[in-house]
Amino acid sequence: MKKLILLFALIFITSCSKDDTNYEEDIFNDDTYMYFDPPGWLLGTWTNNQGDKIIVTRNNLIFNEYGNPVNSANEEIAYYEKNFGNPNIQETAYANYYSLKYNYDNEYRMKFSIIQISERKIDITGFFTGTFTKI
């Protein structure tokens, strides 16, 4: 009888454990995915006249095109790392300049170059191009 109870307890414990990483859920909320560290002046939500939006958090860049979520830098980097290997992240930060480059897939490299014009305005070249205003 003790062996039967022990067997059921073992089955219950192993069936309730969480083994798999859920990238879609964890990447936005987990500090484990700290691939880069943007400067403080860049943190926040930025938008342009076309409705494109970039949300910069302390460990992610989330892109919205015309108000629709497109992707996040952490999600792209984690995908590349899982499927191809080293995403070759290159990050540069100065007083009012920030640059981020990483491998997006096997043949394409994602690039962002951002210049701070004022506390509420930035110029971006790369995936999105143009002047963005902090909202």
Protein backbone atom coordinates (compact mmCIF):
# COMPACT_ATOMS: atom_id res chain seq x y z
CA MET A 1 0.00 0.00 0.00
CA LYS A 2 2.86 2.39 0.87
CA LYS A 3 4.47 1.71 -2.51
CA LEU A 4 1.20 2.51 -4.27
CA ILE A 5 0.82 5.82 -2.41
CA LEU A 6 4.46 6.67 -3.13
CA LEU A 7 3.95 5.86 -6.82
CA PHE A 8 0.87 8.12 -7.06
CA ALA A 9 2.72 10.91 -5.23
CA LEU A 10 5.64 10.64 -7.63
CA ILE A 11 3.34 10.73 -10.67
CA PHE A 12 1.49 13.76 -9.25
CA ILE A 13 4.70 15.70 -8.55
CA THR A 14 6.24 15.08 -11.97
CA SER A 15 3.02 15.78 -13.89
CA CYS A 16 2.57 19.18 -12.23
CA SER A 17 6.05 20.55 -12.94
CA LYS A 18 6.67 23.22 -15.58
CA ASP A 19 9.50 22.16 -17.87
CA ASP A 20 9.04 24.11 -21.09
CA THR A 21 9.93 27.75 -21.62
CA ASN A 22 7.07 29.75 -23.08
CA TYR A 23 8.98 32.40 -25.05
CA GLU A 24 5.86 34.28 -26.11
CA GLU A 25 4.88 34.84 -22.48
CA ASP A 26 8.22 35.01 -20.68
CA ILE A 27 10.26 37.21 -23.00
CA PHE A 28 8.27 40.35 -22.24
CA ASN A 29 8.22 39.85 -18.45
CA ASP A 30 11.29 37.88 -17.40
CA ASP A 31 14.60 39.53 -16.55
CA THR A 32 16.34 36.37 -17.79
CA TYR A 33 15.98 37.77 -21.30
CA MET A 34 18.23 40.80 -20.81
CA TYR A 35 19.94 40.89 -24.20
CA PHE A 36 20.60 44.64 -24.12
CA ASP A 37 20.27 47.71 -21.91
CA PRO A 38 18.97 50.90 -23.59
CA PRO A 39 19.78 54.27 -21.96
CA GLY A 40 17.27 55.92 -19.61
CA TRP A 41 16.42 58.78 -22.00
CA LEU A 42 15.10 56.23 -24.52
CA LEU A 43 12.72 54.41 -22.17
CA GLY A 44 9.03 54.95 -22.90
CA THR A 45 6.60 54.89 -25.80
CA TRP A 46 7.45 56.71 -29.03
CA THR A 47 5.24 57.32 -32.06
CA ASN A 48 5.49 59.00 -35.47
CA ASN A 49 2.95 60.65 -37.78
CA GLN A 50 2.28 57.36 -39.63
CA GLY A 51 1.10 55.63 -36.46
CA ASP A 52 4.22 53.50 -36.01
CA LYS A 53 5.08 52.96 -32.37
CA ILE A 54 8.18 51.78 -30.53
CA ILE A 55 7.95 50.85 -26.87
CA VAL A 56 11.34 50.79 -25.14
CA THR A 57 11.60 49.07 -21.77
CA ARG A 58 14.73 48.38 -19.75
CA ASN A 59 15.12 45.01 -21.50
CA ASN A 60 13.09 45.14 -24.73
CA LEU A 61 12.14 47.09 -27.86
CA ILE A 62 8.59 46.35 -29.02
CA PHE A 63 7.62 47.46 -32.54
CA ASN A 64 4.12 48.40 -33.63
CA GLU A 65 3.41 49.27 -37.25
CA TYR A 66 0.30 51.39 -37.78
CA GLY A 67 -0.79 50.48 -34.26
CA ASN A 68 -0.47 46.71 -34.81
CA PRO A 69 2.14 44.74 -32.85
CA VAL A 70 4.84 43.51 -35.20
CA ASN A 71 7.50 41.99 -32.99
CA SER A 72 9.93 42.57 -30.17
CA ALA A 73 13.71 42.61 -30.21
CA ASN A 74 13.89 40.06 -27.39
CA GLU A 75 11.56 37.70 -29.25
CA GLU A 76 13.61 37.97 -32.44
CA ILE A 77 16.92 37.51 -30.62
CA ALA A 78 15.63 34.50 -28.63
CA TYR A 79 14.30 32.93 -31.83
CA TYR A 80 17.61 33.43 -33.61
CA GLU A 81 19.59 32.12 -30.65
CA LYS A 82 17.37 29.01 -30.42
CA ASN A 83 17.45 28.21 -34.17
CA PHE A 84 20.76 29.55 -35.51
CA GLY A 85 23.13 30.26 -32.61
CA ASN A 86 24.81 33.51 -31.59
CA PRO A 87 22.68 36.54 -32.61
CA ASN A 88 25.82 38.75 -32.54
CA ILE A 89 24.26 41.63 -30.57
CA GLN A 90 26.10 44.94 -30.92
CA GLU A 91 24.96 47.79 -28.72
CA THR A 92 26.41 51.30 -28.52
CA ALA A 93 25.19 54.02 -26.15
CA TYR A 94 26.38 57.62 -25.73
CA ALA A 95 24.86 60.71 -24.13
CA ASN A 96 22.24 61.16 -26.89
CA TYR A 97 22.93 58.34 -29.32
CA TYR A 98 21.94 54.66 -29.20
CA SER A 99 22.59 51.89 -31.71
CA LEU A 100 21.43 48.27 -31.66
CA LYS A 101 22.28 45.60 -34.24
CA TYR A 102 21.53 41.89 -34.14
CA ASN A 103 21.01 38.94 -36.45
CA TYR A 104 17.32 38.59 -37.30
CA ASP A 105 17.43 35.41 -39.33
CA ASN A 106 20.13 33.55 -41.21
CA GLU A 107 20.44 36.26 -43.88
CA TYR A 108 19.18 39.52 -42.39
CA ARG A 109 20.57 41.86 -39.73
CA MET A 110 18.22 44.14 -37.73
CA LYS A 111 19.58 47.67 -37.17
CA PHE A 112 18.41 50.65 -35.14
CA SER A 113 20.27 53.95 -34.86
CA ILE A 114 18.61 56.50 -32.61
CA ILE A 115 19.60 60.12 -31.99
CA GLN A 116 17.99 62.10 -29.19
CA ILE A 117 16.88 65.50 -30.53
CA SER A 118 15.20 66.63 -27.31
CA GLU A 119 13.62 65.02 -24.25
CA ARG A 120 10.51 64.25 -26.29
CA LYS A 121 11.89 63.74 -29.83
CA ILE A 122 14.19 61.15 -31.41
CA ASP A 123 15.34 60.41 -34.96
CA ILE A 124 15.49 56.74 -35.93
CA THR A 125 17.09 55.01 -38.90
CA GLY A 126 16.92 51.30 -39.55
CA PHE A 127 13.78 49.17 -39.20
CA PHE A 128 11.70 52.31 -38.66
CA THR A 129 12.87 55.63 -40.08
CA GLY A 130 11.88 59.14 -39.12
CA THR A 131 11.18 61.40 -36.19
CA PHE A 132 9.33 59.92 -33.22
CA THR A 133 7.70 61.79 -30.33
CA LYS A 134 7.43 60.49 -26.78
CA ILE A 135 3.86 59.98 -25.65
